[in-house]
Amino acid sequence: MEKFLLWLFLSIALLMLTVGVITGIQAQHTLNREIRVNGFVTDLTTRTDAEGNTFFYPIVSFTLPDGNRKRLPTTEGSWPAAYTVDEAVTVVYDPVQPTY
């Protein structure tokens, strides 16, 4: 029984180590692919949750390397507003899908 438990826990530990290594490699690959550019907050939108709390969501504008300007809402809101209109921000995006 002790040998079985030893092998069971060793197998689980090796599986977890493998999952951790694969996840780390994928995360590093994603970070290496992303591009950082300067942008700025063009507007703040508000949304109210089910409890009546109001959150502020910045809309960010930035220029792609080909000269096209993107204006995208962020998915993270805050209260109080974490950013102000015309505040400079760093935008990190995937060049394959710059709208996500």
PDB file of N, CA and C in Angstrom:
ATOM      1  N   MET A   1       0.820  -1.191   0.000  1.00  0.00           N
ATOM      2  CA  MET A   1       0.000   0.000   0.000  1.00  0.00           C
ATOM      3  C   MET A   1       0.872   1.267   0.000  1.00  0.00           C
ATOM      4  N   GLU A   2       1.961   1.245   0.776  1.00  0.00           N
ATOM      5  CA  GLU A   2       2.839   2.417   0.836  1.00  0.00           C
ATOM      6  C   GLU A   2       3.491   2.694  -0.517  1.00  0.00           C
ATOM      7  N   LYS A   3       3.894   1.634  -1.224  1.00  0.00           N
ATOM      8  CA  LYS A   3       4.503   1.823  -2.543  1.00  0.00           C
ATOM      9  C   LYS A   3       3.484   2.390  -3.526  1.00  0.00           C
ATOM     10  N   PHE A   4       2.244   1.916  -3.422  1.00  0.00           N
ATOM     11  CA  PHE A   4       1.195   2.436  -4.290  1.00  0.00           C
ATOM     12  C   PHE A   4       0.999   3.926  -4.059  1.00  0.00           C
ATOM     13  N   LEU A   5       0.911   4.350  -2.804  1.00  0.00           N
ATOM     14  CA  LEU A   5       0.730   5.763  -2.485  1.00  0.00           C
ATOM     15  C   LEU A   5       1.928   6.585  -2.939  1.00  0.00           C
ATOM     16  N   LEU A   6       3.120   6.039  -2.772  1.00  0.00           N
ATOM     17  CA  LEU A   6       4.330   6.734  -3.219  1.00  0.00           C
ATOM     18  C   LEU A   6       4.269   6.975  -4.728  1.00  0.00           C
ATOM     19  N   TRP A   7       3.967   5.926  -5.495  1.00  0.00           N
ATOM     20  CA  TRP A   7       3.883   6.066  -6.944  1.00  0.00           C
ATOM     21  C   TRP A   7       2.731   6.972  -7.364  1.00  0.00           C
ATOM     22  N   LEU A   8       1.623   6.893  -6.647  1.00  0.00           N
ATOM     23  CA  LEU A   8       0.486   7.754  -6.962  1.00  0.00           C
ATOM     24  C   LEU A   8       0.859   9.231  -6.797  1.00  0.00           C
ATOM     25  N   PHE A   9       1.434   9.568  -5.639  1.00  0.00           N
ATOM     26  CA  PHE A   9       1.797  10.964  -5.395  1.00  0.00           C
ATOM     27  C   PHE A   9       2.950  11.420  -6.282  1.00  0.00           C
ATOM     28  N   LEU A  10       3.867  10.531  -6.583  1.00  0.00           N
ATOM     29  CA  LEU A  10       4.954  10.873  -7.502  1.00  0.00           C
ATOM     30  C   LEU A  10       4.402  11.139  -8.900  1.00  0.00           C
ATOM     31  N   SER A  11       3.460  10.324  -9.336  1.00  0.00           N
ATOM     32  CA  SER A  11       2.839  10.526 -10.647  1.00  0.00           C
ATOM     33  C   SER A  11       2.089  11.854 -10.703  1.00  0.00           C
ATOM     34  N   ILE A  12       1.353  12.156  -9.646  1.00  0.00           N
ATOM     35  CA  ILE A  12       0.621  13.418  -9.593  1.00  0.00           C
ATOM     36  C   ILE A  12       1.593  14.592  -9.599  1.00  0.00           C
ATOM     37  N   ALA A  13       2.681  14.488  -8.853  1.00  0.00           N
ATOM     38  CA  ALA A  13       3.679  15.556  -8.811  1.00  0.00           C
ATOM     39  C   ALA A  13       4.305  15.771 -10.190  1.00  0.00           C
ATOM     40  N   LEU A  14       4.618  14.704 -10.904  1.00  0.00           N
ATOM     41  CA  LEU A  14       5.200  14.828 -12.239  1.00  0.00           C
ATOM     42  C   LEU A  14       4.194  15.414 -13.228  1.00  0.00           C
ATOM     43  N   LEU A  15       2.934  15.030 -13.095  1.00  0.00           N
ATOM     44  CA  LEU A  15       1.896  15.605 -13.941  1.00  0.00           C
ATOM     45  C   LEU A  15       1.762  17.103 -13.691  1.00  0.00           C
ATOM     46  N   MET A  16       1.744  17.511 -12.432  1.00  0.00           N
ATOM     47  CA  MET A  16       1.638  18.932 -12.090  1.00  0.00           C
ATOM     48  C   MET A  16       2.861  19.704 -12.584  1.00  0.00           C
ATOM     49  N   LEU A  17       4.030  19.122 -12.477  1.00  0.00           N
ATOM     50  CA  LEU A  17       5.249  19.762 -12.966  1.00  0.00           C
ATOM     51  C   LEU A  17       5.175  19.948 -14.480  1.00  0.00           C
ATOM     52  N   THR A  18       4.710  18.925 -15.191  1.00  0.00           N
ATOM     53  CA  THR A  18       4.570  19.014 -16.642  1.00  0.00           C
ATOM     54  C   THR A  18       3.581  20.109 -17.029  1.00  0.00           C
ATOM     55  N   VAL A  19       2.439  20.167 -16.354  1.00  0.00           N
ATOM     56  CA  VAL A  19       1.442  21.199 -16.628  1.00  0.00           C
ATOM     57  C   VAL A  19       2.036  22.583 -16.363  1.00  0.00           C
ATOM     58  N   GLY A  20       2.779  22.738 -15.281  1.00  0.00           N
ATOM     59  CA  GLY A  20       3.404  24.018 -14.957  1.00  0.00           C
ATOM     60  C   GLY A  20       4.413  24.457 -16.004  1.00  0.00           C
ATOM     61  N   VAL A  21       5.223  23.540 -16.478  1.00  0.00           N
ATOM     62  CA  VAL A  21       6.231  23.865 -17.488  1.00  0.00           C
ATOM     63  C   VAL A  21       5.554  24.256 -18.805  1.00  0.00           C
ATOM     64  N   ILE A  22       4.561  23.492 -19.224  1.00  0.00           N
ATOM     65  CA  ILE A  22       3.853  23.800 -20.478  1.00  0.00           C
ATOM     66  C   ILE A  22       3.155  25.157 -20.376  1.00  0.00           C
ATOM     67  N   THR A  23       2.506  25.434 -19.256  1.00  0.00           N
ATOM     68  CA  THR A  23       1.834  26.716 -19.060  1.00  0.00           C
ATOM     69  C   THR A  23       2.840  27.861 -19.079  1.00  0.00           C
ATOM     70  N   GLY A  24       3.982  27.678 -18.447  1.00  0.00           N
ATOM     71  CA  GLY A  24       5.022  28.707 -18.439  1.00  0.00           C
ATOM     72  C   GLY A  24       5.564  28.987 -19.831  1.00  0.00           C
ATOM     73  N   ILE A  25       5.754  27.953 -20.614  1.00  0.00           N
ATOM     74  CA  ILE A  25       6.249  28.126 -21.984  1.00  0.00           C
ATOM     75  C   ILE A  25       5.220  28.874 -22.827  1.00  0.00           C
ATOM     76  N   GLN A  26       3.941  28.515 -22.686  1.00  0.00           N
ATOM     77  CA  GLN A  26       2.894  29.206 -23.440  1.00  0.00           C
ATOM     78  C   GLN A  26       2.787  30.674 -23.017  1.00  0.00           C
ATOM     79  N   ALA A  27       2.891  30.950 -21.735  1.00  0.00           N
ATOM     80  CA  ALA A  27       2.827  32.336 -21.261  1.00  0.00           C
ATOM     81  C   ALA A  27       3.999  33.146 -21.803  1.00  0.00           C
ATOM     82  N   GLN A  28       5.192  32.579 -21.802  1.00  0.00           N
ATOM     83  CA  GLN A  28       6.359  33.282 -22.337  1.00  0.00           C
ATOM     84  C   GLN A  28       6.212  33.520 -23.833  1.00  0.00           C
ATOM     85  N   HIS A  29       5.658  32.560 -24.544  1.00  0.00           N
ATOM     86  CA  HIS A  29       5.426  32.724 -25.982  1.00  0.00           C
ATOM     87  C   HIS A  29       4.457  33.878 -26.239  1.00  0.00           C
ATOM     88  N   THR A  30       3.401  33.964 -25.444  1.00  0.00           N
ATOM     89  CA  THR A  30       2.432  35.049 -25.583  1.00  0.00           C
ATOM     90  C   THR A  30       3.085  36.394 -25.292  1.00  0.00           C
ATOM     91  N   LEU A  31       3.884  36.479 -24.233  1.00  0.00           N
ATOM     92  CA  LEU A  31       4.560  37.729 -23.889  1.00  0.00           C
ATOM     93  C   LEU A  31       5.541  38.159 -24.971  1.00  0.00           C
ATOM     94  N   ASN A  32       6.225  37.208 -25.571  1.00  0.00           N
ATOM     95  CA  ASN A  32       7.186  37.543 -26.632  1.00  0.00           C
ATOM     96  C   ASN A  32       6.496  38.041 -27.891  1.00  0.00           C
ATOM     97  N   ARG A  33       5.262  37.608 -28.133  1.00  0.00           N
ATOM     98  CA  ARG A  33       4.528  37.980 -29.340  1.00  0.00           C
ATOM     99  C   ARG A  33       3.862  39.359 -29.216  1.00  0.00           C
ATOM    100  N   GLU A  34       3.529  39.770 -27.994  1.00  0.00           N
ATOM    101  CA  GLU A  34       2.795  41.018 -27.793  1.00  0.00           C
ATOM    102  C   GLU A  34       3.650  42.248 -28.118  1.00  0.00           C
ATOM    103  N   ILE A  35       2.962  43.294 -28.553  1.00  0.00           N
ATOM    104  CA  ILE A  35       3.611  44.562 -28.894  1.00  0.00           C
ATOM    105  C   ILE A  35       3.127  45.627 -27.918  1.00  0.00           C
ATOM    106  N   ARG A  36       4.037  46.486 -27.487  1.00  0.00           N
ATOM    107  CA  ARG A  36       3.707  47.601 -26.596  1.00  0.00           C
ATOM    108  C   ARG A  36       3.787  48.901 -27.383  1.00  0.00           C
ATOM    109  N   VAL A  37       2.722  49.711 -27.253  1.00  0.00           N
ATOM    110  CA  VAL A  37       2.698  51.023 -27.895  1.00  0.00           C
ATOM    111  C   VAL A  37       2.124  52.039 -26.915  1.00  0.00           C
ATOM    112  N   ASN A  38       2.387  53.299 -27.201  1.00  0.00           N
ATOM    113  CA  ASN A  38       1.812  54.365 -26.385  1.00  0.00           C
ATOM    114  C   ASN A  38       0.405  54.662 -26.884  1.00  0.00           C
ATOM    115  N   GLY A  39      -0.472  54.911 -25.940  1.00  0.00           N
ATOM    116  CA  GLY A  39      -1.841  55.273 -26.264  1.00  0.00           C
ATOM    117  C   GLY A  39      -2.326  56.296 -25.264  1.00  0.00           C
ATOM    118  N   PHE A  40      -3.602  56.635 -25.354  1.00  0.00           N
ATOM    119  CA  PHE A  40      -4.168  57.557 -24.375  1.00  0.00           C
ATOM    120  C   PHE A  40      -5.654  57.270 -24.215  1.00  0.00           C
ATOM    121  N   VAL A  41      -6.173  57.659 -23.068  1.00  0.00           N
ATOM    122  CA  VAL A  41      -7.585  57.470 -22.754  1.00  0.00           C
ATOM    123  C   VAL A  41      -8.374  58.565 -23.460  1.00  0.00           C
ATOM    124  N   THR A  42      -9.329  58.165 -24.294  1.00  0.00           N
ATOM    125  CA  THR A  42     -10.126  59.142 -25.033  1.00  0.00           C
ATOM    126  C   THR A  42     -11.469  59.417 -24.376  1.00  0.00           C
ATOM    127  N   ASP A  43     -11.946  58.488 -23.568  1.00  0.00           N
ATOM    128  CA  ASP A  43     -13.258  58.655 -22.951  1.00  0.00           C
ATOM    129  C   ASP A  43     -13.396  57.671 -21.800  1.00  0.00           C
ATOM    130  N   LEU A  44     -14.326  57.929 -20.920  1.00  0.00           N
ATOM    131  CA  LEU A  44     -14.670  57.013 -19.836  1.00  0.00           C
ATOM    132  C   LEU A  44     -16.153  56.685 -19.962  1.00  0.00           C
ATOM    133  N   THR A  45     -16.467  55.407 -19.999  1.00  0.00           N
ATOM    134  CA  THR A  45     -17.867  55.003 -19.999  1.00  0.00           C
ATOM    135  C   THR A  45     -18.199  54.463 -18.616  1.00  0.00           C
ATOM    136  N   THR A  46     -19.455  54.504 -18.266  1.00  0.00           N
ATOM    137  CA  THR A  46     -19.869  53.982 -16.967  1.00  0.00           C
ATOM    138  C   THR A  46     -20.835  52.827 -17.178  1.00  0.00           C
ATOM    139  N   ARG A  47     -20.753  51.876 -16.277  1.00  0.00           N
ATOM    140  CA  ARG A  47     -21.682  50.752 -16.255  1.00  0.00           C
ATOM    141  C   ARG A  47     -22.078  50.527 -14.808  1.00  0.00           C
ATOM    142  N   THR A  48     -23.321  50.141 -14.617  1.00  0.00           N
ATOM    143  CA  THR A  48     -23.826  49.878 -13.276  1.00  0.00           C
ATOM    144  C   THR A  48     -24.072  48.383 -13.134  1.00  0.00           C
ATOM    145  N   ASP A  49     -23.559  47.813 -12.039  1.00  0.00           N
ATOM    146  CA  ASP A  49     -23.756  46.381 -11.829  1.00  0.00           C
ATOM    147  C   ASP A  49     -25.117  46.105 -11.194  1.00  0.00           C
ATOM    148  N   ALA A  50     -25.395  44.849 -10.919  1.00  0.00           N
ATOM    149  CA  ALA A  50     -26.693  44.441 -10.384  1.00  0.00           C
ATOM    150  C   ALA A  50     -26.977  45.036  -9.005  1.00  0.00           C
ATOM    151  N   GLU A  51     -25.918  45.390  -8.275  1.00  0.00           N
ATOM    152  CA  GLU A  51     -26.092  45.958  -6.936  1.00  0.00           C
ATOM    153  C   GLU A  51     -26.208  47.476  -6.955  1.00  0.00           C
ATOM    154  N   GLY A  52     -26.142  48.082  -8.134  1.00  0.00           N
ATOM    155  CA  GLY A  52     -26.259  49.525  -8.248  1.00  0.00           C
ATOM    156  C   GLY A  52     -24.942  50.271  -8.159  1.00  0.00           C
ATOM    157  N   ASN A  53     -23.810  49.558  -8.152  1.00  0.00           N
ATOM    158  CA  ASN A  53     -22.495  50.200  -8.113  1.00  0.00           C
ATOM    159  C   ASN A  53     -22.090  50.636  -9.518  1.00  0.00           C
ATOM    160  N   THR A  54     -21.565  51.850  -9.629  1.00  0.00           N
ATOM    161  CA  THR A  54     -21.135  52.383 -10.920  1.00  0.00           C
ATOM    162  C   THR A  54     -19.631  52.205 -11.074  1.00  0.00           C
ATOM    163  N   PHE A  55     -19.216  51.681 -12.228  1.00  0.00           N
ATOM    164  CA  PHE A  55     -17.808  51.485 -12.531  1.00  0.00           C
ATOM    165  C   PHE A  55     -17.451  52.264 -13.789  1.00  0.00           C
ATOM    166  N   PHE A  56     -16.211  52.734 -13.840  1.00  0.00           N
ATOM    167  CA  PHE A  56     -15.710  53.513 -14.966  1.00  0.00           C
ATOM    168  C   PHE A  56     -14.805  52.642 -15.828  1.00  0.00           C
ATOM    169  N   TYR A  57     -15.076  52.634 -17.126  1.00  0.00           N
ATOM    170  CA  TYR A  57     -14.310  51.847 -18.084  1.00  0.00           C
ATOM    171  C   TYR A  57     -13.666  52.794 -19.091  1.00  0.00           C
ATOM    172  N   PRO A  58     -12.331  52.844 -19.145  1.00  0.00           N
ATOM    173  CA  PRO A  58     -11.685  53.734 -20.110  1.00  0.00           C
ATOM    174  C   PRO A  58     -11.793  53.211 -21.537  1.00  0.00           C
ATOM    175  N   ILE A  59     -11.889  54.125 -22.472  1.00  0.00           N
ATOM    176  CA  ILE A  59     -11.764  53.808 -23.893  1.00  0.00           C
ATOM    177  C   ILE A  59     -10.400  54.329 -24.312  1.00  0.00           C
ATOM    178  N   VAL A  60      -9.600  53.436 -24.886  1.00  0.00           N
ATOM    179  CA  VAL A  60      -8.200  53.735 -25.182  1.00  0.00           C
ATOM    180  C   VAL A  60      -8.000  53.832 -26.683  1.00  0.00           C
ATOM    181  N   SER A  61      -7.209  54.795 -27.102  1.00  0.00           N
ATOM    182  CA  SER A  61      -6.875  54.984 -28.507  1.00  0.00           C
ATOM    183  C   SER A  61      -5.373  54.795 -28.677  1.00  0.00           C
ATOM    184  N   PHE A  62      -5.002  54.071 -29.743  1.00  0.00           N
ATOM    185  CA  PHE A  62      -3.578  53.859 -30.027  1.00  0.00           C
ATOM    186  C   PHE A  62      -3.402  53.652 -31.519  1.00  0.00           C
ATOM    187  N   THR A  63      -2.178  53.810 -31.989  1.00  0.00           N
ATOM    188  CA  THR A  63      -1.874  53.696 -33.420  1.00  0.00           C
ATOM    189  C   THR A  63      -1.118  52.404 -33.685  1.00  0.00           C
ATOM    190  N   LEU A  64      -1.591  51.657 -34.666  1.00  0.00           N
ATOM    191  CA  LEU A  64      -0.923  50.428 -35.085  1.00  0.00           C
ATOM    192  C   LEU A  64       0.289  50.784 -35.945  1.00  0.00           C
ATOM    193  N   PRO A  65       1.236  49.864 -36.099  1.00  0.00           N
ATOM    194  CA  PRO A  65       2.415  50.152 -36.918  1.00  0.00           C
ATOM    195  C   PRO A  65       2.099  50.540 -38.366  1.00  0.00           C
ATOM    196  N   ASP A  66       0.953  50.079 -38.889  1.00  0.00           N
ATOM    197  CA  ASP A  66       0.598  50.432 -40.269  1.00  0.00           C
ATOM    198  C   ASP A  66      -0.063  51.811 -40.370  1.00  0.00           C
ATOM    199  N   GLY A  67      -0.189  52.521 -39.247  1.00  0.00           N
ATOM    200  CA  GLY A  67      -0.746  53.864 -39.246  1.00  0.00           C
ATOM    201  C   GLY A  67      -2.223  53.936 -38.892  1.00  0.00           C
ATOM    202  N   ASN A  68      -2.894  52.793 -38.874  1.00  0.00           N
ATOM    203  CA  ASN A  68      -4.315  52.788 -38.502  1.00  0.00           C
ATOM    204  C   ASN A  68      -4.466  53.060 -37.011  1.00  0.00           C
ATOM    205  N   ARG A  69      -5.483  53.837 -36.685  1.00  0.00           N
ATOM    206  CA  ARG A  69      -5.742  54.170 -35.293  1.00  0.00           C
ATOM    207  C   ARG A  69      -6.870  53.282 -34.788  1.00  0.00           C
ATOM    208  N   LYS A  70      -6.655  52.664 -33.640  1.00  0.00           N
ATOM    209  CA  LYS A  70      -7.653  51.816 -32.993  1.00  0.00           C
ATOM    210  C   LYS A  70      -8.192  52.538 -31.772  1.00  0.00           C
ATOM    211  N   ARG A  71      -9.477  52.418 -31.560  1.00  0.00           N
ATOM    212  CA  ARG A  71     -10.129  52.997 -30.377  1.00  0.00           C
ATOM    213  C   ARG A  71     -10.959  51.887 -29.775  1.00  0.00           C
ATOM    214  N   LEU A  72     -10.528  51.389 -28.613  1.00  0.00           N
ATOM    215  CA  LEU A  72     -11.152  50.216 -28.023  1.00  0.00           C
ATOM    216  C   LEU A  72     -11.546  50.446 -26.566  1.00  0.00           C
ATOM    217  N   PRO A  73     -12.682  49.915 -26.169  1.00  0.00           N
ATOM    218  CA  PRO A  73     -13.036  49.958 -24.751  1.00  0.00           C
ATOM    219  C   PRO A  73     -12.258  48.876 -24.002  1.00  0.00           C
ATOM    220  N   THR A  74     -11.938  49.143 -22.764  1.00  0.00           N
ATOM    221  CA  THR A  74     -11.271  48.136 -21.952  1.00  0.00           C
ATOM    222  C   THR A  74     -12.317  47.267 -21.271  1.00  0.00           C
ATOM    223  N   THR A  75     -11.890  46.111 -20.823  1.00  0.00           N
ATOM    224  CA  THR A  75     -12.811  45.187 -20.163  1.00  0.00           C
ATOM    225  C   THR A  75     -12.735  45.288 -18.649  1.00  0.00           C
ATOM    226  N   GLU A  76     -11.801  46.069 -18.145  1.00  0.00           N
ATOM    227  CA  GLU A  76     -11.628  46.226 -16.707  1.00  0.00           C
ATOM    228  C   GLU A  76     -12.124  47.590 -16.264  1.00  0.00           C
ATOM    229  N   GLY A  77     -13.081  47.608 -15.363  1.00  0.00           N
ATOM    230  CA  GLY A  77     -13.597  48.855 -14.829  1.00  0.00           C
ATOM    231  C   GLY A  77     -13.135  49.056 -13.395  1.00  0.00           C
ATOM    232  N   SER A  78     -13.296  50.252 -12.890  1.00  0.00           N
ATOM    233  CA  SER A  78     -12.892  50.540 -11.511  1.00  0.00           C
ATOM    234  C   SER A  78     -13.759  51.649 -10.936  1.00  0.00           C
ATOM    235  N   TRP A  79     -13.765  51.724  -9.624  1.00  0.00           N
ATOM    236  CA  TRP A  79     -14.392  52.828  -8.923  1.00  0.00           C
ATOM    237  C   TRP A  79     -13.515  53.160  -7.733  1.00  0.00           C
ATOM    238  N   PRO A  80     -13.057  54.360  -7.626  1.00  0.00           N
ATOM    239  CA  PRO A  80     -13.258  55.481  -8.540  1.00  0.00           C
ATOM    240  C   PRO A  80     -12.487  55.242  -9.840  1.00  0.00           C
ATOM    241  N   ALA A  81     -12.667  56.124 -10.780  1.00  0.00           N
ATOM    242  CA  ALA A  81     -12.013  55.973 -12.082  1.00  0.00           C
ATOM    243  C   ALA A  81     -10.500  55.929 -11.910  1.00  0.00           C
ATOM    244  N   ALA A  82      -9.875  54.910 -12.473  1.00  0.00           N
ATOM    245  CA  ALA A  82      -8.421  54.752 -12.356  1.00  0.00           C
ATOM    246  C   ALA A  82      -7.669  55.646 -13.337  1.00  0.00           C
ATOM    247  N   TYR A  83      -8.351  56.095 -14.380  1.00  0.00           N
ATOM    248  CA  TYR A  83      -7.718  56.918 -15.411  1.00  0.00           C
ATOM    249  C   TYR A  83      -8.558  58.160 -15.669  1.00  0.00           C
ATOM    250  N   THR A  84      -7.932  59.150 -16.259  1.00  0.00           N
ATOM    251  CA  THR A  84      -8.646  60.360 -16.670  1.00  0.00           C
ATOM    252  C   THR A  84      -8.544  60.495 -18.189  1.00  0.00           C
ATOM    253  N   VAL A  85      -9.461  61.240 -18.773  1.00  0.00           N
ATOM    254  CA  VAL A  85      -9.436  61.483 -20.217  1.00  0.00           C
ATOM    255  C   VAL A  85      -8.128  62.210 -20.558  1.00  0.00           C
ATOM    256  N   ASP A  86      -7.509  61.828 -21.653  1.00  0.00           N
ATOM    257  CA  ASP A  86      -6.231  62.342 -22.158  1.00  0.00           C
ATOM    258  C   ASP A  86      -5.019  61.834 -21.379  1.00  0.00           C
ATOM    259  N   GLU A  87      -5.214  60.899 -20.471  1.00  0.00           N
ATOM    260  CA  GLU A  87      -4.068  60.329 -19.743  1.00  0.00           C
ATOM    261  C   GLU A  87      -3.329  59.347 -20.648  1.00  0.00           C
ATOM    262  N   ALA A  88      -2.000  59.421 -20.636  1.00  0.00           N
ATOM    263  CA  ALA A  88      -1.171  58.513 -21.429  1.00  0.00           C
ATOM    264  C   ALA A  88      -1.148  57.138 -20.772  1.00  0.00           C
ATOM    265  N   VAL A  89      -1.245  56.095 -21.592  1.00  0.00           N
ATOM    266  CA  VAL A  89      -1.208  54.715 -21.112  1.00  0.00           C
ATOM    267  C   VAL A  89      -0.352  53.891 -22.057  1.00  0.00           C
ATOM    268  N   THR A  90       0.122  52.764 -21.584  1.00  0.00           N
ATOM    269  CA  THR A  90       0.821  51.812 -22.432  1.00  0.00           C
ATOM    270  C   THR A  90      -0.171  50.724 -22.816  1.00  0.00           C
ATOM    271  N   VAL A  91      -0.270  50.467 -24.108  1.00  0.00           N
ATOM    272  CA  VAL A  91      -1.182  49.455 -24.618  1.00  0.00           C
ATOM    273  C   VAL A  91      -0.364  48.247 -25.045  1.00  0.00           C
ATOM    274  N   VAL A  92      -0.757  47.075 -24.591  1.00  0.00           N
ATOM    275  CA  VAL A  92      -0.113  45.831 -24.979  1.00  0.00           C
ATOM    276  C   VAL A  92      -1.137  45.032 -25.773  1.00  0.00           C
ATOM    277  N   TYR A  93      -0.777  44.638 -27.006  1.00  0.00           N
ATOM    278  CA  TYR A  93      -1.740  43.912 -27.827  1.00  0.00           C
ATOM    279  C   TYR A  93      -1.046  42.832 -28.649  1.00  0.00           C
ATOM    280  N   ASP A  94      -1.834  41.896 -29.084  1.00  0.00           N
ATOM    281  CA  ASP A  94      -1.381  40.823 -29.960  1.00  0.00           C
ATOM    282  C   ASP A  94      -1.455  41.326 -31.394  1.00  0.00           C
ATOM    283  N   PRO A  95      -0.358  41.362 -32.139  1.00  0.00           N
ATOM    284  CA  PRO A  95      -0.392  41.904 -33.494  1.00  0.00           C
ATOM    285  C   PRO A  95      -1.283  41.100 -34.449  1.00  0.00           C
ATOM    286  N   VAL A  96      -1.552  39.853 -34.127  1.00  0.00           N
ATOM    287  CA  VAL A  96      -2.426  39.031 -34.964  1.00  0.00           C
ATOM    288  C   VAL A  96      -3.890  39.471 -34.767  1.00  0.00           C
ATOM    289  N   GLN A  97      -4.260  39.857 -33.541  1.00  0.00           N
ATOM    290  CA  GLN A  97      -5.618  40.285 -33.228  1.00  0.00           C
ATOM    291  C   GLN A  97      -5.562  41.571 -32.411  1.00  0.00           C
ATOM    292  N   PRO A  98      -5.325  42.724 -33.032  1.00  0.00           N
ATOM    293  CA  PRO A  98      -5.145  43.956 -32.280  1.00  0.00           C
ATOM    294  C   PRO A  98      -6.417  44.474 -31.614  1.00  0.00           C
ATOM    295  N   THR A  99      -7.556  43.885 -31.903  1.00  0.00           N
ATOM    296  CA  THR A  99      -8.797  44.362 -31.291  1.00  0.00           C
ATOM    297  C   THR A  99      -9.159  43.592 -30.042  1.00  0.00           C
ATOM    298  N   TYR A 100      -8.327  42.654 -29.608  1.00  0.00           N
ATOM    299  CA  TYR A 100      -8.618  41.876 -28.403  1.00  0.00           C
ATOM    300  C   TYR A 100      -7.592  42.129 -27.338  1.00  0.00           C
TER     301      TYR A 100
END
